[in-house]
N, C-alpha and C. Protein backbone atom coordinates (compact mmCIF):
# COMPACT_ATOMS: atom_id res chain seq x y z
N MET A 1 130.51 92.31 75.54
CA MET A 1 129.66 92.55 76.59
C MET A 1 128.48 93.72 75.68
N ASP A 2 128.59 94.24 74.93
CA ASP A 2 127.47 95.18 74.01
C ASP A 2 126.46 94.11 73.69
N TRP A 3 126.53 92.81 72.67
CA TRP A 3 126.25 91.88 72.13
C TRP A 3 125.37 91.46 73.38
N GLU A 4 126.03 90.92 74.87
CA GLU A 4 125.19 90.60 75.75
C GLU A 4 123.96 91.37 76.00
N ARG A 5 123.59 93.06 76.08
CA ARG A 5 123.13 92.91 76.66
C ARG A 5 121.74 93.82 75.68
N VAL A 6 122.37 93.19 74.42
CA VAL A 6 121.19 93.39 73.15
C VAL A 6 120.49 91.96 73.44
N ASP A 7 121.36 90.54 73.39
CA ASP A 7 121.15 89.44 73.70
C ASP A 7 119.55 89.45 74.81
N GLU A 8 120.03 90.38 75.73
CA GLU A 8 118.83 90.52 76.90
C GLU A 8 117.76 91.19 76.96
N ALA A 9 117.98 91.90 75.86
CA ALA A 9 117.26 93.02 75.61
C ALA A 9 115.71 92.29 74.49
N GLY A 10 116.48 91.68 73.94
CA GLY A 10 115.41 90.71 73.21
C GLY A 10 114.11 89.95 73.82
N LEU A 11 115.39 88.83 74.67
CA LEU A 11 114.41 87.97 75.71
C LEU A 11 113.30 88.83 76.52
N ASP A 12 113.84 90.25 76.39
CA ASP A 12 113.07 90.88 77.96
C ASP A 12 112.40 92.01 77.75
N PRO A 13 112.01 92.36 76.45
CA PRO A 13 111.77 93.59 75.42
C PRO A 13 110.91 95.29 76.50
N ASP A 14 110.14 94.64 77.58
CA ASP A 14 109.11 94.90 78.59
C ASP A 14 110.37 95.46 79.66
N LYS A 15 111.26 94.97 79.88
CA LYS A 15 111.84 95.55 80.97
C LYS A 15 112.50 97.19 81.29
N ILE A 16 111.82 98.02 82.15
CA ILE A 16 112.58 99.08 81.95
C ILE A 16 113.88 99.31 82.16
N ARG A 17 114.93 99.52 81.64
CA ARG A 17 116.45 100.04 81.90
C ARG A 17 117.16 100.52 82.24
N VAL A 18 117.06 101.75 82.62
CA VAL A 18 116.10 103.93 82.12
C VAL A 18 114.96 103.75 83.02
N SER A 19 115.15 104.03 83.97
CA SER A 19 113.66 105.08 85.13
C SER A 19 114.01 106.37 84.40
N ALA A 20 112.65 106.57 83.70
CA ALA A 20 112.69 108.04 83.47
C ALA A 20 112.50 109.10 84.69
N ASP A 21 113.14 110.23 84.09
CA ASP A 21 112.36 111.03 85.32
C ASP A 21 111.27 111.57 85.14
N PRO A 22 110.11 111.36 86.29
CA PRO A 22 108.73 111.85 86.25
C PRO A 22 109.09 113.31 86.35
N TYR A 23 109.64 113.76 86.31
CA TYR A 23 109.49 115.52 86.71
C TYR A 23 109.91 116.62 85.35
N GLY A 24 110.11 115.05 83.86
CA GLY A 24 110.82 116.14 82.31
C GLY A 24 109.57 116.29 82.02
N PRO A 25 108.61 115.12 82.27
CA PRO A 25 107.45 115.95 81.36
C PRO A 25 106.11 116.89 82.11
N LEU A 26 106.84 117.09 83.04
CA LEU A 26 106.06 118.03 84.01
C LEU A 26 106.40 119.26 83.89
N ALA A 27 107.81 118.97 83.76
CA ALA A 27 108.73 120.48 84.17
C ALA A 27 107.74 121.11 82.57
N ALA A 28 108.04 120.39 81.54
CA ALA A 28 107.62 121.21 80.26
C ALA A 28 106.19 120.88 80.23
N ALA A 29 105.35 120.43 80.58
CA ALA A 29 103.91 120.58 80.48
C ALA A 29 103.48 122.01 80.83
N ARG A 30 104.40 122.34 81.81
CA ARG A 30 103.89 123.66 83.15
C ARG A 30 104.97 124.53 82.50
N ARG A 31 106.20 124.70 82.22
CA ARG A 31 106.16 125.52 81.65
C ARG A 31 105.34 125.45 79.84
N GLU A 32 105.49 125.36 79.32
CA GLU A 32 104.25 124.58 78.19
C GLU A 32 103.17 126.08 78.59
N ASN A 33 102.36 125.39 79.20
CA ASN A 33 101.35 126.45 80.17
C ASN A 33 101.44 127.73 80.20
N LEU A 34 102.22 127.94 80.97
CA LEU A 34 103.10 129.59 81.18
C LEU A 34 102.82 129.89 80.18
N GLU A 35 104.00 129.39 78.97
CA GLU A 35 104.22 130.76 78.02
C GLU A 35 102.94 130.69 77.54
N ARG A 36 101.84 129.55 76.60
CA ARG A 36 100.94 129.86 76.40
C ARG A 36 100.04 131.00 76.89
N ILE A 37 99.71 131.53 78.10
CA ILE A 37 99.18 132.08 78.91
C ILE A 37 99.66 132.95 78.91
N VAL A 38 100.82 133.69 79.39
CA VAL A 38 101.75 134.74 79.54
C VAL A 38 101.51 135.58 78.14
N ALA A 39 101.78 134.89 77.13
CA ALA A 39 101.53 135.14 75.82
C ALA A 39 100.20 135.43 75.11
N ARG A 40 99.59 134.86 75.77
CA ARG A 40 98.03 135.48 75.53
C ARG A 40 97.57 136.86 76.00
N LEU A 41 98.32 136.55 77.38
CA LEU A 41 98.04 137.69 78.04
C LEU A 41 98.83 139.32 76.86
N HIS A 42 99.70 138.99 77.17
CA HIS A 42 100.44 139.96 75.76
C HIS A 42 99.86 140.20 75.42
N ALA A 43 99.57 139.54 74.15
CA ALA A 43 98.52 139.61 73.27
C ALA A 43 97.63 140.62 73.46
N LYS A 44 96.59 140.64 75.02
CA LYS A 44 95.55 141.10 74.95
C LYS A 44 96.17 143.20 75.72
N GLY A 45 97.33 143.20 75.28
CA GLY A 45 97.84 144.01 76.22
C GLY A 45 97.76 144.17 77.78
N ARG A 46 98.30 142.83 78.26
CA ARG A 46 97.98 142.90 80.35
C ARG A 46 99.27 142.28 80.50
N MET A 47 99.19 143.06 81.57
CA MET A 47 100.04 142.28 82.46
C MET A 47 100.01 140.97 83.50
N PRO A 48 100.66 139.55 83.23
CA PRO A 48 100.02 138.97 83.60
C PRO A 48 100.00 138.60 85.86
N ARG A 49 98.49 139.07 86.33
CA ARG A 49 98.76 138.93 87.50
C ARG A 49 98.94 138.13 88.28
N VAL A 50 100.03 137.81 89.31
CA VAL A 50 100.14 136.60 90.37
C VAL A 50 100.06 136.85 91.76
N CYS A 51 99.87 135.53 91.93
CA CYS A 51 100.31 135.78 93.75
C CYS A 51 101.44 134.94 93.94
N LEU A 52 101.81 135.13 95.27
CA LEU A 52 103.34 134.26 95.74
C LEU A 52 103.45 133.04 96.36
N TYR A 53 103.51 131.61 96.60
CA TYR A 53 102.76 130.88 97.37
C TYR A 53 104.66 130.36 98.72
N ALA A 54 104.60 130.32 99.76
CA ALA A 54 105.00 128.93 100.13
C ALA A 54 104.79 128.44 101.54
N LEU A 55 105.82 127.78 101.52
CA LEU A 55 105.67 126.29 103.07
C LEU A 55 106.77 127.56 104.37
N SER A 56 106.19 127.97 105.39
CA SER A 56 106.58 127.62 106.59
C SER A 56 107.17 126.43 107.22
N VAL A 57 108.17 126.97 107.96
CA VAL A 57 108.87 125.66 108.71
C VAL A 57 109.34 126.37 110.17
N GLY A 58 107.98 125.58 111.14
CA GLY A 58 108.59 126.02 112.10
C GLY A 58 108.37 126.96 112.60
N GLY A 59 107.28 127.33 112.50
CA GLY A 59 106.03 128.72 112.50
C GLY A 59 106.76 130.30 111.99
N GLN A 60 108.38 130.01 111.17
CA GLN A 60 108.48 131.39 110.86
C GLN A 60 108.17 131.64 109.22
N GLU A 61 107.53 132.78 109.30
CA GLU A 61 107.30 133.46 107.86
C GLU A 61 108.37 133.01 106.81
N PRO A 62 107.61 132.83 105.60
CA PRO A 62 108.94 132.07 104.70
C PRO A 62 109.57 134.13 104.02
N ARG A 63 110.11 134.72 104.55
CA ARG A 63 110.23 135.82 103.81
C ARG A 63 111.03 135.30 102.69
N HIS A 64 111.72 134.73 103.36
CA HIS A 64 113.61 134.33 102.20
C HIS A 64 112.74 134.12 101.11
N SER A 65 111.58 132.87 101.18
CA SER A 65 111.33 132.75 100.30
C SER A 65 110.38 133.27 99.27
N LEU A 66 109.61 133.98 100.00
CA LEU A 66 108.49 135.16 99.47
C LEU A 66 109.17 136.31 98.69
N ASN A 67 109.66 136.57 99.00
CA ASN A 67 110.96 137.86 98.76
C ASN A 67 111.25 137.11 97.52
N ALA A 68 112.10 135.49 97.16
CA ALA A 68 113.05 135.12 96.14
C ALA A 68 111.42 135.40 94.74
N ALA A 69 110.68 134.38 95.08
CA ALA A 69 109.12 134.63 94.30
C ALA A 69 108.73 135.95 94.18
N ALA A 70 109.01 136.92 94.22
CA ALA A 70 108.51 137.94 94.35
C ALA A 70 109.97 139.00 93.22
N ALA A 71 110.77 138.54 93.68
CA ALA A 71 111.66 138.82 92.55
C ALA A 71 111.43 138.93 91.49
N TYR A 72 111.26 137.16 91.82
CA TYR A 72 110.97 136.41 90.57
C TYR A 72 110.03 136.70 89.51
N ALA A 73 108.96 137.42 89.97
CA ALA A 73 108.31 137.99 89.16
C ALA A 73 108.45 139.79 88.89
N VAL A 74 109.14 140.16 89.08
CA VAL A 74 109.48 141.86 89.39
C VAL A 74 110.04 141.14 87.60
N ARG A 75 111.28 140.21 87.28
CA ARG A 75 112.05 140.12 86.53
C ARG A 75 111.55 139.59 85.28
N GLN A 76 109.93 139.38 85.47
CA GLN A 76 109.01 138.45 84.40
C GLN A 76 108.25 139.94 83.70
N SER A 77 108.48 141.01 84.74
CA SER A 77 107.70 141.91 84.63
C SER A 77 105.96 142.05 84.72
N TRP A 78 105.89 140.77 86.09
CA TRP A 78 103.98 140.03 86.40
C TRP A 78 103.99 141.11 87.34
N GLN A 79 102.66 141.16 88.11
CA GLN A 79 101.78 142.07 88.79
C GLN A 79 101.89 140.91 89.95
N VAL A 80 103.03 141.85 91.07
CA VAL A 80 102.06 141.05 92.17
C VAL A 80 101.08 141.78 93.22
N GLY A 81 100.52 141.71 92.59
CA GLY A 81 98.53 142.20 93.45
C GLY A 81 98.98 142.57 95.87
N VAL A 82 98.53 143.16 96.12
CA VAL A 82 99.05 143.70 97.59
C VAL A 82 98.48 142.83 98.12
N GLY A 83 98.69 141.70 99.68
CA GLY A 83 97.66 140.86 100.43
C GLY A 83 97.59 139.29 98.96
N GLN A 84 98.53 139.64 97.93
CA GLN A 84 98.94 138.54 97.25
C GLN A 84 99.26 137.14 97.39
N SER A 85 100.05 137.06 99.06
CA SER A 85 101.33 136.36 99.05
C SER A 85 100.16 135.54 100.53
N TYR A 86 100.40 133.53 100.26
CA TYR A 86 100.13 132.75 100.67
C TYR A 86 100.82 132.05 101.51
N THR A 87 100.49 131.79 102.10
CA THR A 87 101.66 130.47 102.80
C THR A 87 100.45 129.69 103.72
N ASP A 88 101.33 128.38 103.83
CA ASP A 88 100.06 127.41 104.88
C ASP A 88 101.88 126.89 105.57
N HIS A 89 102.02 125.95 107.06
CA HIS A 89 102.26 125.65 107.74
C HIS A 89 102.86 123.68 106.61
N GLN A 90 104.21 123.63 106.90
CA GLN A 90 105.06 122.52 106.17
C GLN A 90 103.78 121.51 106.88
N GLY A 91 103.67 120.73 106.14
CA GLY A 91 102.87 119.21 107.05
C GLY A 91 102.36 118.44 105.88
N PRO A 92 101.23 117.97 105.31
CA PRO A 92 100.49 117.90 104.70
C PRO A 92 101.30 118.49 103.20
N THR A 93 100.78 116.78 102.86
CA THR A 93 101.68 117.21 101.64
C THR A 93 100.61 117.25 100.45
N ASP A 94 99.09 116.76 100.23
CA ASP A 94 98.53 117.12 99.23
C ASP A 94 98.15 118.50 99.78
N PRO A 95 98.23 119.68 97.89
CA PRO A 95 97.96 120.87 98.60
C PRO A 95 96.72 121.20 98.72
N VAL A 96 95.45 120.37 97.92
CA VAL A 96 93.94 120.62 98.56
C VAL A 96 94.00 120.77 99.62
N THR A 97 94.56 120.03 100.73
CA THR A 97 94.37 120.33 102.02
C THR A 97 94.77 121.28 102.70
N ARG A 98 95.08 122.61 102.28
CA ARG A 98 95.83 123.46 102.99
C ARG A 98 95.47 124.77 102.73
N PRO A 99 94.88 125.12 103.80
CA PRO A 99 94.42 126.69 103.83
C PRO A 99 94.68 127.56 102.42
N GLY A 100 96.14 127.50 102.26
CA GLY A 100 96.53 129.18 101.68
C GLY A 100 96.97 128.22 100.45
N TRP A 101 97.18 127.24 100.36
CA TRP A 101 96.77 126.38 98.31
C TRP A 101 95.35 126.66 98.33
N CYS A 102 94.35 126.90 98.81
CA CYS A 102 93.05 126.64 98.65
C CYS A 102 92.62 128.27 97.93
N LEU A 103 93.22 129.13 98.58
CA LEU A 103 93.07 131.16 98.44
C LEU A 103 93.62 131.05 97.01
N VAL A 104 94.74 130.44 96.73
CA VAL A 104 95.55 130.84 95.41
C VAL A 104 94.93 130.68 94.81
N ARG A 105 94.35 128.80 94.78
CA ARG A 105 92.98 128.15 93.43
C ARG A 105 92.37 128.96 93.78
N GLN A 106 91.44 129.58 94.83
CA GLN A 106 90.38 130.43 94.35
C GLN A 106 90.91 132.01 93.84
N GLN A 107 91.55 132.59 93.73
CA GLN A 107 92.22 133.95 92.86
C GLN A 107 91.81 133.19 91.59
N ILE A 108 93.11 131.92 91.83
CA ILE A 108 92.61 131.75 90.25
C ILE A 108 91.62 131.38 89.76
N ARG A 109 90.53 130.65 89.43
CA ARG A 109 89.08 130.54 89.79
C ARG A 109 88.57 132.39 89.57
N ALA A 110 88.09 132.77 90.71
CA ALA A 110 87.45 133.49 90.39
C ALA A 110 88.60 135.05 89.23
N GLY A 111 89.74 134.65 88.16
CA GLY A 111 90.34 135.99 87.66
C GLY A 111 91.16 137.03 88.09
N TYR A 112 91.34 136.71 89.35
CA TYR A 112 92.04 137.92 90.51
C TYR A 112 93.14 137.65 89.96
N ALA A 113 93.66 136.26 89.91
CA ALA A 113 95.21 136.59 89.51
C ALA A 113 95.04 135.43 88.10
N ASP A 114 96.43 135.20 87.29
CA ASP A 114 96.55 134.33 85.98
C ASP A 114 97.44 132.72 86.54
N GLY A 115 98.34 133.86 87.25
CA GLY A 115 99.09 132.24 87.52
C GLY A 115 99.72 132.90 89.69
N VAL A 116 100.76 131.64 89.97
CA VAL A 116 101.52 131.88 90.57
C VAL A 116 102.65 131.06 90.63
N VAL A 117 103.96 131.96 91.94
CA VAL A 117 105.33 131.92 91.80
C VAL A 117 105.48 131.17 93.09
N VAL A 118 105.95 130.02 93.39
CA VAL A 118 106.75 129.33 94.10
C VAL A 118 108.47 128.75 94.05
N VAL A 119 108.84 129.19 94.98
CA VAL A 119 110.73 129.02 94.68
C VAL A 119 110.50 127.19 94.13
N THR A 120 110.09 126.75 94.39
CA THR A 120 110.63 124.30 94.64
C THR A 120 109.12 123.87 94.11
N HIS A 121 109.55 123.10 92.90
CA HIS A 121 107.75 122.95 92.63
C HIS A 121 107.66 121.89 94.26
N PRO A 122 108.55 121.30 94.92
CA PRO A 122 108.06 120.20 96.75
C PRO A 122 107.06 121.26 97.12
N VAL A 123 107.32 122.85 97.38
CA VAL A 123 106.80 123.50 98.20
C VAL A 123 104.73 123.61 97.37
N ILE A 124 104.51 123.67 96.46
CA ILE A 124 103.14 122.47 96.17
C ILE A 124 103.00 121.09 96.62
N SER A 125 104.08 119.66 95.89
CA SER A 125 104.09 118.88 96.67
C SER A 125 104.98 118.27 96.57
N PRO A 126 105.55 117.11 97.28
CA PRO A 126 107.07 116.38 96.93
C PRO A 126 106.80 115.17 96.30
N GLN A 127 105.13 114.87 96.64
CA GLN A 127 104.70 113.85 95.44
C GLN A 127 104.15 113.96 93.72
N VAL A 128 104.69 113.59 93.33
CA VAL A 128 104.99 113.99 91.38
C VAL A 128 103.17 114.12 91.10
N ASP A 129 102.61 112.37 91.80
CA ASP A 129 101.22 112.71 91.73
C ASP A 129 99.92 113.96 91.45
N GLU A 130 100.51 113.96 93.03
CA GLU A 130 99.89 115.63 93.76
C GLU A 130 100.05 116.99 92.59
N TYR A 131 101.40 116.80 92.49
CA TYR A 131 102.42 118.46 91.32
C TYR A 131 101.52 117.94 90.37
N ARG A 132 101.56 116.88 89.51
CA ARG A 132 100.55 116.58 88.07
C ARG A 132 99.23 117.02 88.28
N GLN A 133 98.41 117.35 89.28
CA GLN A 133 97.41 116.96 90.25
C GLN A 133 97.41 118.74 89.48
N GLU A 134 97.72 119.28 90.35
CA GLU A 134 97.56 120.92 90.77
C GLU A 134 97.97 121.64 88.88
N VAL A 135 99.57 120.45 88.23
CA VAL A 135 99.41 121.62 87.01
C VAL A 135 98.49 121.30 86.24
N ASP A 136 98.01 120.50 86.00
CA ASP A 136 97.03 120.37 84.97
C ASP A 136 95.24 120.98 85.58
N TRP A 137 95.07 121.14 86.80
CA TRP A 137 94.09 122.12 87.10
C TRP A 137 93.89 123.10 87.04
N PHE A 138 95.90 124.04 86.70
CA PHE A 138 96.15 125.40 86.28
C PHE A 138 95.31 125.66 85.24
N ALA A 139 95.69 124.37 84.41
CA ALA A 139 96.56 124.22 83.11
C ALA A 139 94.36 124.67 82.52
N LEU A 140 93.58 123.18 83.52
CA LEU A 140 92.15 123.60 83.36
C LEU A 140 91.25 124.56 83.17
N HIS A 141 92.21 126.08 84.78
CA HIS A 141 91.34 126.63 84.70
C HIS A 141 92.40 128.35 84.82
N PHE A 142 93.03 128.02 82.98
CA PHE A 142 94.02 128.66 82.70
C PHE A 142 94.59 129.57 83.27
N GLY A 143 95.54 128.96 84.48
CA GLY A 143 96.41 129.82 85.06
C GLY A 143 97.45 128.93 85.10
N PHE A 144 98.69 129.88 85.63
CA PHE A 144 99.91 129.44 85.37
C PHE A 144 100.89 129.18 87.04
N ILE A 145 101.64 128.32 87.06
CA ILE A 145 102.38 127.76 87.71
C ILE A 145 103.60 128.54 87.79
N ALA A 146 104.42 128.88 88.17
CA ALA A 146 105.62 129.41 87.35
C ALA A 146 106.68 129.26 88.96
N VAL A 147 108.31 128.24 88.42
CA VAL A 147 108.86 127.71 89.50
C VAL A 147 110.09 128.84 89.00
N VAL A 148 110.30 129.18 90.21
CA VAL A 148 111.82 129.91 90.85
C VAL A 148 112.80 129.06 89.92
N VAL A 149 113.19 127.85 91.42
CA VAL A 149 114.65 126.50 90.23
C VAL A 149 113.65 125.80 89.54
N PRO A 150 113.71 125.14 88.39
CA PRO A 150 112.83 124.15 87.69
C PRO A 150 113.30 123.02 88.41
N GLU A 151 111.94 121.89 87.96
CA GLU A 151 111.56 120.91 88.68
C GLU A 151 114.12 119.77 88.50
N ILE A 152 113.99 119.92 87.12
CA ILE A 152 115.02 119.10 86.79
C ILE A 152 116.30 120.17 87.57
N GLN A 153 116.46 120.99 87.31
CA GLN A 153 117.42 121.55 88.10
C GLN A 153 117.44 121.26 89.86
N ALA A 154 115.52 121.62 90.12
CA ALA A 154 115.66 121.29 91.77
C ALA A 154 116.23 119.53 92.72
N ALA A 155 115.65 118.84 91.12
CA ALA A 155 115.95 117.77 91.79
C ALA A 155 117.89 117.18 91.40
N ARG A 156 118.34 117.89 91.08
CA ARG A 156 119.93 118.04 90.54
C ARG A 156 120.27 118.23 92.29
N THR A 157 119.78 119.25 92.92
CA THR A 157 120.58 119.78 93.75
C THR A 157 120.13 118.59 95.09
């Protein structure tokens, strides 16, 4: 049986046999960026400042998600500023069309925050390409994304 697979692979080497998890490399890049920025801030004697972000469902304030994100930030010894919690109604997947997410980006761009904490990556976007754009945008603007439940673990549940 194994020889059959080897022969088949030799006849069609471009055929994808196992699909790769698109979130694996993204999780690694996001985590590497986070560690680099936090280390740089600690080297300067500064505590990372973060925003919290969550999506509301059915008009309810996402208090549990914001509390989980805040608890994660506290465990990491990060500072959450007063009024640095942002929410949007669940709806459009493209984060740049959401007012709350745009405010988070403004905080990063202006230097008022170093990163954002979310509970899971689909809060930013359930679409791989949109999520990748945000991971890249934060890295480009010297900001980081922290995820309470990592991408790989979230994909398994």
